[in-house]
Amino acid sequence: MGTARENRHAILPPNLPPLALDRAEASALLGIGTGLFDRLVDEGKLPPAIQIGDRKLWSVKKLTRAFDAIADEHDQDLTKPWNQPPAEQPFNPWDEQ
């Protein structure tokens, strides 16, 4: 019996993005260490974990929104192309809820 990550890759197609990540995966997604990740969670700048059984998981969607909010705090220049509204995106079934 492998880890949750190994099981996910054995069961789900590799091109299916996860909905939630554990602490190490979540901090890696943001490109930061687990210590800084924990501090940002404690400060309320990143969302808290979702407790499922004995596992703590973080929503990828909420992490993405939180990261964008942190980035927006540091860059309010609306003339920059990365601060423009996104172009029409192709249909993504994960966005439907």
Protein backbone atom coordinates (compact mmCIF):
# COMPACT_ATOMS: atom_id res chain seq x y z
CA MET A 1 0.00 0.00 0.00
CA GLY A 2 1.58 3.28 -1.12
CA THR A 3 1.22 6.90 -0.11
CA ALA A 4 -1.85 8.95 -1.02
CA ARG A 5 0.15 10.60 -3.79
CA GLU A 6 1.22 7.26 -5.25
CA ASN A 7 -2.35 5.96 -5.02
CA ARG A 8 -3.71 9.09 -6.72
CA HIS A 9 -1.32 8.63 -9.63
CA ALA A 10 -2.19 4.93 -9.90
CA ILE A 11 -5.96 5.58 -9.96
CA LEU A 12 -6.43 8.95 -11.68
CA PRO A 13 -5.17 10.01 -15.09
CA PRO A 14 -1.91 12.00 -14.86
CA ASN A 15 -3.41 15.02 -16.63
CA LEU A 16 -6.16 15.41 -14.00
CA PRO A 17 -5.10 18.16 -11.59
CA PRO A 18 -5.68 17.51 -7.88
CA LEU A 19 -8.38 19.43 -6.04
CA ALA A 20 -6.40 19.46 -2.80
CA LEU A 21 -2.80 19.12 -1.67
CA ASP A 22 -1.05 18.14 1.53
CA ARG A 23 1.18 20.66 3.32
CA ALA A 24 4.39 19.77 1.46
CA GLU A 25 2.64 19.82 -1.93
CA ALA A 26 0.82 23.08 -1.13
CA SER A 27 4.01 24.88 -0.10
CA ALA A 28 5.80 23.52 -3.19
CA LEU A 29 2.94 24.75 -5.39
CA LEU A 30 3.59 28.26 -4.10
CA GLY A 31 7.36 27.90 -4.34
CA ILE A 32 7.95 28.43 -0.63
CA GLY A 33 9.16 26.30 2.25
CA THR A 34 6.84 24.68 4.75
CA GLY A 35 7.92 27.06 7.53
CA LEU A 36 6.89 30.16 5.55
CA PHE A 37 3.76 28.33 4.41
CA ASP A 38 2.79 27.66 8.05
CA ARG A 39 3.45 31.29 8.99
CA LEU A 40 1.26 32.59 6.15
CA VAL A 41 -1.53 30.20 7.18
CA ASP A 42 -1.21 31.38 10.82
CA GLU A 43 -1.33 35.03 9.65
CA GLY A 44 -4.48 34.34 7.63
CA LYS A 45 -2.82 35.16 4.31
CA LEU A 46 -3.28 31.57 3.16
CA PRO A 47 -6.39 29.47 3.78
CA PRO A 48 -6.52 26.99 6.66
CA ALA A 49 -6.34 23.28 6.04
CA ILE A 50 -9.41 21.19 5.42
CA GLN A 51 -9.44 18.34 7.93
CA ILE A 52 -10.59 15.07 6.35
CA GLY A 53 -10.17 12.22 8.77
CA ASP A 54 -6.59 12.41 9.98
CA ARG A 55 -5.44 14.28 6.85
CA LYS A 56 -4.98 18.01 6.44
CA LEU A 57 -5.46 19.21 2.89
CA TRP A 58 -5.47 22.60 1.18
CA SER A 59 -7.80 23.50 -1.68
CA VAL A 60 -5.82 24.27 -4.84
CA LYS A 61 -8.47 26.78 -5.88
CA LYS A 62 -8.29 28.64 -2.54
CA LEU A 63 -4.48 28.58 -2.55
CA THR A 64 -4.49 30.08 -6.04
CA ARG A 65 -6.89 32.84 -4.98
CA ALA A 66 -4.84 33.58 -1.86
CA PHE A 67 -1.61 33.73 -3.85
CA ASP A 68 -3.22 36.14 -6.33
CA ALA A 69 -4.40 38.33 -3.43
CA ILE A 70 -0.90 38.42 -1.95
CA ALA A 71 0.55 39.30 -5.36
CA ASP A 72 -2.06 42.05 -5.82
CA GLU A 73 -1.06 43.61 -2.49
CA HIS A 74 2.43 44.14 -3.89
CA ASP A 75 1.54 45.28 -7.42
CA GLN A 76 -1.34 47.69 -8.00
CA ASP A 77 -0.06 49.07 -11.33
CA LEU A 78 -3.04 48.43 -13.62
CA THR A 79 -1.03 49.42 -16.70
CA LYS A 80 0.96 46.17 -16.49
CA PRO A 81 -0.35 43.41 -18.76
CA TRP A 82 -0.38 40.83 -15.95
CA ASN A 83 -2.81 43.05 -14.03
CA GLN A 84 -5.31 43.18 -16.90
CA PRO A 85 -8.45 41.04 -16.86
CA PRO A 86 -7.78 37.62 -18.34
CA ALA A 87 -8.75 36.90 -21.91
CA GLU A 88 -11.63 34.52 -22.52
CA GLN A 89 -10.47 31.11 -21.33
CA PRO A 90 -11.44 27.79 -22.85
CA PHE A 91 -14.02 25.72 -21.01
CA ASN A 92 -12.64 24.07 -17.86
CA PRO A 93 -14.99 21.62 -16.13
CA TRP A 94 -13.19 22.16 -12.81
CA ASP A 95 -14.38 25.76 -12.75
CA GLU A 96 -18.05 24.72 -12.82
CA GLN A 97 -19.72 24.54 -9.41
